[in-house]
C-alpha atoms as a PDB file:
ATOM      1  CA  MET A   1       0.000   0.000   0.000  1.00  0.00           C
ATOM      2  CA  LYS A   2       2.847   2.347   0.894  1.00  0.00           C
ATOM      3  CA  VAL A   3       4.583   1.538  -2.429  1.00  0.00           C
ATOM      4  CA  LYS A   4       1.375   2.272  -4.338  1.00  0.00           C
ATOM      5  CA  SER A   5       0.967   5.609  -2.533  1.00  0.00           C
ATOM      6  CA  THR A   6       4.574   6.516  -3.297  1.00  0.00           C
ATOM      7  CA  LEU A   7       4.149   5.670  -6.978  1.00  0.00           C
ATOM      8  CA  THR A   8       0.973   7.747  -7.135  1.00  0.00           C
ATOM      9  CA  ALA A   9       2.749  10.689  -5.523  1.00  0.00           C
ATOM     10  CA  LEU A  10       5.644  10.400  -7.992  1.00  0.00           C
ATOM     11  CA  CYS A  11       3.238  10.334 -10.942  1.00  0.00           C
ATOM     12  CA  LEU A  12       1.468  13.420  -9.650  1.00  0.00           C
ATOM     13  CA  LEU A  13       4.809  15.146  -9.099  1.00  0.00           C
ATOM     14  CA  ALA A  14       5.950  14.304 -12.647  1.00  0.00           C
ATOM     15  CA  SER A  15       2.680  15.651 -14.010  1.00  0.00           C
ATOM     16  CA  PHE A  16       3.108  18.837 -11.984  1.00  0.00           C
ATOM     17  CA  PHE A  17       6.612  19.439 -13.331  1.00  0.00           C
ATOM     18  CA  ALA A  18       5.502  18.751 -16.913  1.00  0.00           C
ATOM     19  CA  MET A  19       2.737  21.316 -16.533  1.00  0.00           C
ATOM     20  CA  ALA A  20       5.008  23.784 -14.732  1.00  0.00           C
ATOM     21  CA  GLN A  21       7.497  23.735 -17.621  1.00  0.00           C
ATOM     22  CA  LYS A  22       4.932  25.030 -20.082  1.00  0.00           C
ATOM     23  CA  PRO A  23       4.366  28.762 -20.435  1.00  0.00           C
ATOM     24  CA  ALA A  24       1.166  29.998 -18.820  1.00  0.00           C
ATOM     25  CA  PRO A  25      -1.668  29.963 -21.362  1.00  0.00           C
ATOM     26  CA  ASP A  26      -2.873  33.216 -22.908  1.00  0.00           C
ATOM     27  CA  GLN A  27      -6.491  34.182 -23.528  1.00  0.00           C
ATOM     28  CA  ILE A  28      -7.998  36.139 -26.398  1.00  0.00           C
ATOM     29  CA  LYS A  29     -11.570  37.385 -26.182  1.00  0.00           C
ATOM     30  CA  THR A  30     -13.873  36.228 -28.971  1.00  0.00           C
ATOM     31  CA  SER A  31     -17.569  36.653 -29.681  1.00  0.00           C
ATOM     32  CA  LYS A  32     -18.128  33.075 -28.442  1.00  0.00           C
ATOM     33  CA  GLY A  33     -16.064  33.185 -25.276  1.00  0.00           C
ATOM     34  CA  PRO A  34     -12.343  33.100 -24.597  1.00  0.00           C
ATOM     35  CA  LEU A  35      -9.809  31.465 -26.898  1.00  0.00           C
ATOM     36  CA  THR A  36      -7.111  29.898 -24.726  1.00  0.00           C
ATOM     37  CA  ILE A  37      -3.694  29.550 -26.346  1.00  0.00           C
ATOM     38  CA  GLN A  38      -1.263  27.040 -24.859  1.00  0.00           C
ATOM     39  CA  PRO A  39       2.240  26.889 -26.365  1.00  0.00           C
ATOM     40  CA  VAL A  40       3.425  23.278 -26.250  1.00  0.00           C
ATOM     41  CA  LEU A  41       6.652  22.451 -28.092  1.00  0.00           C
ATOM     42  CA  HIS A  42       8.364  23.657 -31.299  1.00  0.00           C
ATOM     43  CA  GLY A  43       5.476  23.868 -33.815  1.00  0.00           C
ATOM     44  CA  SER A  44       2.854  22.437 -31.448  1.00  0.00           C
ATOM     45  CA  VAL A  45       0.158  24.584 -29.909  1.00  0.00           C
ATOM     46  CA  ALA A  46      -3.139  23.738 -28.209  1.00  0.00           C
ATOM     47  CA  PHE A  47      -6.249  25.889 -28.337  1.00  0.00           C
ATOM     48  CA  THR A  48      -9.356  25.688 -26.193  1.00  0.00           C
ATOM     49  CA  TRP A  49     -12.437  27.456 -27.518  1.00  0.00           C
ATOM     50  CA  ASP A  50     -16.196  27.033 -27.179  1.00  0.00           C
ATOM     51  CA  GLY A  51     -15.729  23.892 -25.102  1.00  0.00           C
ATOM     52  CA  LYS A  52     -13.447  22.248 -27.675  1.00  0.00           C
ATOM     53  CA  THR A  53      -9.725  21.463 -27.608  1.00  0.00           C
ATOM     54  CA  ILE A  54      -7.637  21.775 -30.763  1.00  0.00           C
ATOM     55  CA  TYR A  55      -4.100  20.432 -31.200  1.00  0.00           C
ATOM     56  CA  VAL A  56      -1.827  21.695 -33.966  1.00  0.00           C
ATOM     57  CA  ASP A  57       1.021  19.387 -35.067  1.00  0.00           C
ATOM     58  CA  PRO A  58       1.114  17.360 -31.838  1.00  0.00           C
ATOM     59  CA  TYR A  59       4.750  16.480 -31.156  1.00  0.00           C
ATOM     60  CA  GLY A  60       6.880  15.471 -28.214  1.00  0.00           C
ATOM     61  CA  GLY A  61       4.999  12.521 -26.722  1.00  0.00           C
ATOM     62  CA  THR A  62       2.206  12.450 -24.178  1.00  0.00           C
ATOM     63  CA  GLU A  63       4.342  14.276 -21.613  1.00  0.00           C
ATOM     64  CA  ALA A  64       4.239  17.412 -23.784  1.00  0.00           C
ATOM     65  CA  PHE A  65       0.447  17.447 -23.396  1.00  0.00           C
ATOM     66  CA  GLU A  66       0.216  16.783 -19.672  1.00  0.00           C
ATOM     67  CA  GLY A  67      -2.564  18.852 -18.161  1.00  0.00           C
ATOM     68  CA  ILE A  68      -4.206  19.582 -21.530  1.00  0.00           C
ATOM     69  CA  ALA A  69      -7.575  18.007 -22.359  1.00  0.00           C
ATOM     70  CA  ALA A  70      -7.755  15.343 -25.053  1.00  0.00           C
ATOM     71  CA  PRO A  71      -8.238  16.847 -28.525  1.00  0.00           C
ATOM     72  CA  ASP A  72     -11.542  17.206 -30.331  1.00  0.00           C
ATOM     73  CA  LEU A  73      -9.746  18.439 -33.439  1.00  0.00           C
ATOM     74  CA  ILE A  74      -6.174  17.941 -34.697  1.00  0.00           C
ATOM     75  CA  LEU A  75      -4.583  19.978 -37.487  1.00  0.00           C
ATOM     76  CA  ILE A  76      -1.447  18.672 -39.185  1.00  0.00           C
ATOM     77  CA  THR A  77       0.520  20.840 -41.582  1.00  0.00           C
ATOM     78  CA  ASP A  78       3.102  18.563 -43.213  1.00  0.00           C
ATOM     79  CA  ILE A  79       4.743  15.127 -43.386  1.00  0.00           C
ATOM     80  CA  HIS A  80       7.974  15.861 -41.500  1.00  0.00           C
ATOM     81  CA  GLY A  81       8.399  14.194 -38.120  1.00  0.00           C
ATOM     82  CA  ASP A  82       8.109  17.411 -36.116  1.00  0.00           C
ATOM     83  CA  HIS A  83       4.616  17.921 -37.587  1.00  0.00           C
ATOM     84  CA  LEU A  84       3.386  14.418 -38.377  1.00  0.00           C
ATOM     85  CA  ASP A  85       4.665  12.662 -35.252  1.00  0.00           C
ATOM     86  CA  LEU A  86       3.015   9.256 -35.461  1.00  0.00           C
ATOM     87  CA  LYS A  87       4.454   8.151 -32.118  1.00  0.00           C
ATOM     88  CA  THR A  88       2.719  11.061 -30.380  1.00  0.00           C
ATOM     89  CA  LEU A  89      -0.496  10.689 -32.398  1.00  0.00           C
ATOM     90  CA  GLU A  90      -0.774   7.043 -31.445  1.00  0.00           C
ATOM     91  CA  ALA A  91      -0.003   7.743 -27.781  1.00  0.00           C
ATOM     92  CA  ILE A  92      -2.418  10.603 -27.072  1.00  0.00           C
ATOM     93  CA  ASN A  93      -6.155  10.070 -26.719  1.00  0.00           C
ATOM     94  CA  THR A  94      -7.608  10.631 -30.203  1.00  0.00           C
ATOM     95  CA  SER A  95     -10.830   8.712 -29.596  1.00  0.00           C
ATOM     96  CA  GLN A  96     -13.020  11.815 -30.065  1.00  0.00           C
ATOM     97  CA  ALA A  97     -10.763  13.661 -32.499  1.00  0.00           C
ATOM     98  CA  THR A  98     -11.242  14.663 -36.115  1.00  0.00           C
ATOM     99  CA  LEU A  99      -8.025  15.266 -38.062  1.00  0.00           C
ATOM    100  CA  VAL A 100      -7.677  17.948 -40.754  1.00  0.00           C
ATOM    101  CA  VAL A 101      -4.691  17.181 -42.969  1.00  0.00           C
ATOM    102  CA  PRO A 102      -3.224  17.597 -46.460  1.00  0.00           C
ATOM    103  CA  GLN A 103      -3.287  14.555 -48.754  1.00  0.00           C
ATOM    104  CA  ALA A 104       0.428  13.854 -48.257  1.00  0.00           C
ATOM    105  CA  VAL A 105      -0.192  13.468 -44.522  1.00  0.00           C
ATOM    106  CA  ALA A 106      -3.314  11.344 -45.006  1.00  0.00           C
ATOM    107  CA  ASP A 107      -1.266   8.962 -47.154  1.00  0.00           C
ATOM    108  CA  LYS A 108       1.058   8.292 -44.201  1.00  0.00           C
ATOM    109  CA  LEU A 109      -1.563   7.853 -41.475  1.00  0.00           C
ATOM    110  CA  PRO A 110      -2.304   4.397 -40.066  1.00  0.00           C
ATOM    111  CA  GLU A 111      -5.778   3.219 -41.011  1.00  0.00           C
ATOM    112  CA  PRO A 112      -7.519   4.022 -37.675  1.00  0.00           C
ATOM    113  CA  LEU A 113      -6.363   7.659 -37.897  1.00  0.00           C
ATOM    114  CA  LYS A 114      -6.949   7.868 -41.654  1.00  0.00           C
ATOM    115  CA  GLN A 115     -10.615   7.069 -41.009  1.00  0.00           C
ATOM    116  CA  LYS A 116     -10.814  10.156 -38.785  1.00  0.00           C
ATOM    117  CA  ALA A 117      -9.171  12.447 -41.353  1.00  0.00           C
ATOM    118  CA  VAL A 118     -10.703  15.254 -43.403  1.00  0.00           C
ATOM    119  CA  VAL A 119      -8.376  16.009 -46.315  1.00  0.00           C
ATOM    120  CA  ILE A 120      -8.058  19.540 -47.683  1.00  0.00           C
ATOM    121  CA  GLY A 121      -5.449  21.108 -49.921  1.00  0.00           C
ATOM    122  CA  ASN A 122      -4.242  24.635 -50.581  1.00  0.00           C
ATOM    123  CA  GLY A 123      -7.197  26.898 -51.340  1.00  0.00           C
ATOM    124  CA  GLU A 124      -9.778  24.511 -49.881  1.00  0.00           C
ATOM    125  CA  HIS A 125     -12.024  24.929 -46.856  1.00  0.00           C
ATOM    126  CA  THR A 126     -13.842  22.881 -44.273  1.00  0.00           C
ATOM    127  CA  GLU A 127     -15.844  23.577 -41.133  1.00  0.00           C
ATOM    128  CA  GLN A 128     -15.320  21.405 -38.093  1.00  0.00           C
ATOM    129  CA  LEU A 129     -16.869  21.889 -34.645  1.00  0.00           C
ATOM    130  CA  GLY A 130     -18.012  25.389 -35.561  1.00  0.00           C
ATOM    131  CA  ILE A 131     -14.521  26.413 -36.720  1.00  0.00           C
ATOM    132  CA  ALA A 132     -14.084  27.543 -40.321  1.00  0.00           C
ATOM    133  CA  ILE A 133     -10.738  26.211 -41.568  1.00  0.00           C
ATOM    134  CA  ALA A 134      -8.950  27.339 -44.736  1.00  0.00           C
ATOM    135  CA  ALA A 135      -5.777  25.712 -46.052  1.00  0.00           C
ATOM    136  CA  ILE A 136      -3.242  28.032 -47.635  1.00  0.00           C
ATOM    137  CA  PRO A 137       0.192  27.368 -49.174  1.00  0.00           C
ATOM    138  CA  MET A 138       3.379  26.892 -47.166  1.00  0.00           C
ATOM    139  CA  TYR A 139       6.609  26.370 -49.084  1.00  0.00           C
ATOM    140  CA  ASN A 140      10.266  27.269 -49.553  1.00  0.00           C
ATOM    141  CA  LEU A 141      11.697  29.874 -51.902  1.00  0.00           C
ATOM    142  CA  PRO A 142      13.024  29.592 -54.498  1.00  0.00           C
ATOM    143  CA  GLU A 143      10.796  26.757 -55.680  1.00  0.00           C
ATOM    144  CA  THR A 144      13.070  23.894 -56.719  1.00  0.00           C
ATOM    145  CA  ASP A 145      12.707  20.169 -57.382  1.00  0.00           C
ATOM    146  CA  ASP A 146      14.635  19.321 -54.222  1.00  0.00           C
ATOM    147  CA  SER A 147      12.816  21.780 -51.935  1.00  0.00           C
ATOM    148  CA  ARG A 148      12.300  20.643 -48.352  1.00  0.00           C
ATOM    149  CA  HIS A 149       8.783  22.065 -48.542  1.00  0.00           C
ATOM    150  CA  PRO A 150       7.405  22.106 -52.095  1.00  0.00           C
ATOM    151  CA  LYS A 151       4.339  24.195 -52.825  1.00  0.00           C
ATOM    152  CA  GLY A 152       1.106  22.230 -52.533  1.00  0.00           C
ATOM    153  CA  ARG A 153       2.293  19.428 -50.260  1.00  0.00           C
ATOM    154  CA  GLY A 154       1.657  21.013 -46.872  1.00  0.00           C
ATOM    155  CA  ASN A 155      -0.930  23.384 -45.472  1.00  0.00           C
ATOM    156  CA  GLY A 156      -0.773  26.580 -43.516  1.00  0.00           C
ATOM    157  CA  TYR A 157      -4.141  27.129 -41.831  1.00  0.00           C
ATOM    158  CA  ILE A 158      -6.471  30.025 -41.189  1.00  0.00           C
ATOM    159  CA  LEU A 159      -9.033  29.384 -38.455  1.00  0.00           C
ATOM    160  CA  GLN A 160     -12.135  31.445 -37.761  1.00  0.00           C
ATOM    161  CA  MET A 161     -13.220  31.131 -34.141  1.00  0.00           C
ATOM    162  CA  GLY A 162     -16.083  33.464 -33.365  1.00  0.00           C
ATOM    163  CA  ASN A 163     -14.984  36.904 -34.545  1.00  0.00           C
ATOM    164  CA  LYS A 164     -11.251  36.111 -34.347  1.00  0.00           C
ATOM    165  CA  THR A 165      -9.029  34.873 -37.162  1.00  0.00           C
ATOM    166  CA  VAL A 166      -5.941  32.787 -36.390  1.00  0.00           C
ATOM    167  CA  TYR A 167      -3.135  32.040 -38.851  1.00  0.00           C
ATOM    168  CA  LEU A 168      -0.709  29.123 -38.517  1.00  0.00           C
ATOM    169  CA  SER A 169       2.188  29.395 -40.934  1.00  0.00           C
ATOM    170  CA  GLY A 170       3.416  25.817 -40.935  1.00  0.00           C
ATOM    171  CA  ASP A 171       6.891  25.489 -42.492  1.00  0.00           C
ATOM    172  CA  THR A 172       7.184  28.347 -44.935  1.00  0.00           C
ATOM    173  CA  GLU A 173       9.251  31.260 -46.113  1.00  0.00           C
ATOM    174  CA  ASP A 174       7.937  34.793 -46.592  1.00  0.00           C
ATOM    175  CA  ILE A 175       5.780  33.742 -49.533  1.00  0.00           C
ATOM    176  CA  PRO A 176       3.402  36.111 -51.355  1.00  0.00           C
ATOM    177  CA  GLU A 177       0.382  34.252 -49.975  1.00  0.00           C
ATOM    178  CA  MET A 178       1.438  35.046 -46.415  1.00  0.00           C
ATOM    179  CA  ARG A 179       2.399  38.635 -47.157  1.00  0.00           C
ATOM    180  CA  ALA A 180      -1.047  39.178 -48.734  1.00  0.00           C
ATOM    181  CA  LEU A 181      -2.980  38.112 -45.633  1.00  0.00           C
ATOM    182  CA  ARG A 182      -5.228  40.719 -44.023  1.00  0.00           C
ATOM    183  CA  ASN A 183      -7.312  41.022 -40.863  1.00  0.00           C
ATOM    184  CA  ILE A 184      -5.419  38.351 -38.930  1.00  0.00           C
ATOM    185  CA  ASP A 185      -5.983  38.653 -35.183  1.00  0.00           C
ATOM    186  CA  VAL A 186      -3.419  36.069 -34.043  1.00  0.00           C
ATOM    187  CA  ALA A 187      -0.524  34.688 -36.099  1.00  0.00           C
ATOM    188  CA  PHE A 188       1.986  31.923 -35.435  1.00  0.00           C
ATOM    189  CA  VAL A 189       5.058  32.439 -37.611  1.00  0.00           C
ATOM    190  CA  CYS A 190       8.012  30.080 -38.018  1.00  0.00           C
ATOM    191  CA  MET A 191      11.680  31.104 -38.277  1.00  0.00           C
ATOM    192  CA  ASN A 192      14.410  28.480 -38.388  1.00  0.00           C
ATOM    193  CA  LEU A 193      17.139  28.174 -40.982  1.00  0.00           C
ATOM    194  CA  PRO A 194      17.709  26.245 -43.153  1.00  0.00           C
ATOM    195  CA  TYR A 195      14.206  24.805 -43.029  1.00  0.00           C
ATOM    196  CA  THR A 196      12.024  27.904 -43.224  1.00  0.00           C
ATOM    197  CA  MET A 197      13.085  31.577 -43.030  1.00  0.00           C
ATOM    198  CA  ASP A 198      15.368  33.743 -40.977  1.00  0.00           C
ATOM    199  CA  VAL A 199      14.388  36.400 -38.449  1.00  0.00           C
ATOM    200  CA  ASP A 200      14.651  39.228 -41.004  1.00  0.00           C
ATOM    201  CA  GLN A 201      12.367  37.464 -43.485  1.00  0.00           C
ATOM    202  CA  ALA A 202       9.840  36.631 -40.770  1.00  0.00           C
ATOM    203  CA  ALA A 203       9.786  40.226 -39.475  1.00  0.00           C
ATOM    204  CA  SER A 204       9.401  41.607 -43.002  1.00  0.00           C
ATOM    205  CA  ALA A 205       6.485  39.282 -43.720  1.00  0.00           C
ATOM    206  CA  VAL A 206       4.752  40.152 -40.435  1.00  0.00           C
ATOM    207  CA  LEU A 207       5.102  43.858 -41.182  1.00  0.00           C
ATOM    208  CA  ALA A 208       3.482  43.208 -44.562  1.00  0.00           C
ATOM    209  CA  PHE A 209       0.319  41.509 -43.239  1.00  0.00           C
ATOM    210  CA  LYS A 210       0.200  43.210 -39.821  1.00  0.00           C
ATOM    211  CA  PRO A 211      -1.496  40.735 -37.473  1.00  0.00           C
ATOM    212  CA  ALA A 212      -2.764  42.203 -34.203  1.00  0.00           C
ATOM    213  CA  VAL A 213      -0.809  39.574 -32.227  1.00  0.00           C
ATOM    214  CA  VAL A 214       2.088  37.415 -33.416  1.00  0.00           C
ATOM    215  CA  TYR A 215       3.830  34.507 -31.740  1.00  0.00           C
ATOM    216  CA  PRO A 216       7.194  33.409 -33.113  1.00  0.00           C
ATOM    217  CA  TYR A 217       7.159  29.610 -32.933  1.00  0.00           C
ATOM    218  CA  HIS A 218       8.994  26.732 -34.625  1.00  0.00           C
ATOM    219  CA  TYR A 219      12.276  28.600 -34.113  1.00  0.00           C
ATOM    220  CA  ARG A 220      14.773  25.783 -33.499  1.00  0.00           C
ATOM    221  CA  GLY A 221      17.139  25.253 -36.447  1.00  0.00           C
ATOM    222  CA  GLU A 222      20.484  23.648 -37.216  1.00  0.00           C
ATOM    223  CA  GLN A 223      22.325  26.406 -35.331  1.00  0.00           C
ATOM    224  CA  GLY A 224      20.092  26.307 -32.250  1.00  0.00           C
ATOM    225  CA  LEU A 225      17.298  28.699 -31.375  1.00  0.00           C
ATOM    226  CA  SER A 226      16.581  31.757 -33.510  1.00  0.00           C
ATOM    227  CA  ASP A 227      16.882  35.187 -31.901  1.00  0.00           C
ATOM    228  CA  VAL A 228      13.229  35.897 -31.200  1.00  0.00           C
ATOM    229  CA  GLU A 229      14.134  39.014 -29.215  1.00  0.00           C
ATOM    230  CA  ALA A 230      15.648  40.431 -32.409  1.00  0.00           C
ATOM    231  CA  PHE A 231      12.468  39.467 -34.254  1.00  0.00           C
ATOM    232  CA  LYS A 232      10.381  41.402 -31.732  1.00  0.00           C
ATOM    233  CA  GLN A 233      12.631  44.447 -32.014  1.00  0.00           C
ATOM    234  CA  LYS A 234      12.487  44.427 -35.817  1.00  0.00           C
ATOM    235  CA  VAL A 235       8.706  44.079 -35.892  1.00  0.00           C
ATOM    236  CA  ASN A 236       8.104  46.780 -33.304  1.00  0.00           C
ATOM    237  CA  ALA A 237      10.584  49.114 -34.999  1.00  0.00           C
ATOM    238  CA  GLY A 238       8.283  48.906 -38.016  1.00  0.00           C
ATOM    239  CA  SER A 239       4.981  48.901 -36.123  1.00  0.00           C
ATOM    240  CA  LYS A 240       4.445  49.375 -32.414  1.00  0.00           C
ATOM    241  CA  LYS A 241       0.812  48.285 -32.862  1.00  0.00           C
ATOM    242  CA  ILE A 242       1.748  44.642 -33.393  1.00  0.00           C
ATOM    243  CA  ASP A 243       1.785  42.719 -30.111  1.00  0.00           C
ATOM    244  CA  VAL A 244       4.773  40.360 -30.372  1.00  0.00           C
ATOM    245  CA  ARG A 245       4.435  37.650 -27.735  1.00  0.00           C
ATOM    246  CA  LEU A 246       7.565  35.717 -26.852  1.00  0.00           C
ATOM    247  CA  ARG A 247       6.927  32.390 -25.159  1.00  0.00           C
ATOM    248  CA  ASN A 248       9.192  29.458 -24.362  1.00  0.00           C
ATOM    249  CA  TRP A 249       8.392  26.764 -26.929  1.00  0.00           C
ATOM    250  CA  TYR A 250      11.388  24.720 -25.768  1.00  0.00           C
ATOM    251  CA  PRO A 251      10.780  24.029 -22.072  1.00  0.00           C
ATOM    252  CA  GLU A 252      13.688  21.611 -21.899  1.00  0.00           C
ATOM    253  CA  LYS A 253      16.038  24.552 -22.594  1.00  0.00           C
END
């Protein structure tokens, strides 16, 4: 009995530390209640809105999602292992989840998850759980045959939750489709060479489409973590109206 109590206490303690490592969640007011934003790890983020929980690119194993409710909706942007993490997908509770994915991701899903998938490509739309979802391009420049992220394979996403619009860049550079965005309330923008873009490119793109709030995420590259403080300075030098929110997406660091 004492051993069982000790094991229970250790499990609770491990759960506490996993939760404590995550940044505190943020809240954005919407016309249908608060949108809670929980940074998770690298390109993973969890949203809670209107009684539903949404995971984006779940990655890092079940421990990365300690303290977060099981997903009702999962968005996956691309086939790379830090976005399509099958080990994490098969470990978390997806029993009630619908997946929204590009075709390239659907092709790699095991059959039980494939049956839960709604496939959309660039320029297509779906509505799930009262959330309007649009898929937009994410790709590298220049466009080459050996590109890590060719145009059309992966999806960036635009989500409409109540009266708020959220943009998730996925793995992209400062492409015309991103620069042309308008009326984005919350943006998540990647910056990690050599896979996506550098801090200067990301800041330039953000200043072009001017989201109300921007989170730099997915900022670990071959040379370590990108300088998100420099990103914030560059954005705010161009526009003090943009709320640049720096959060720790790498809690092990």
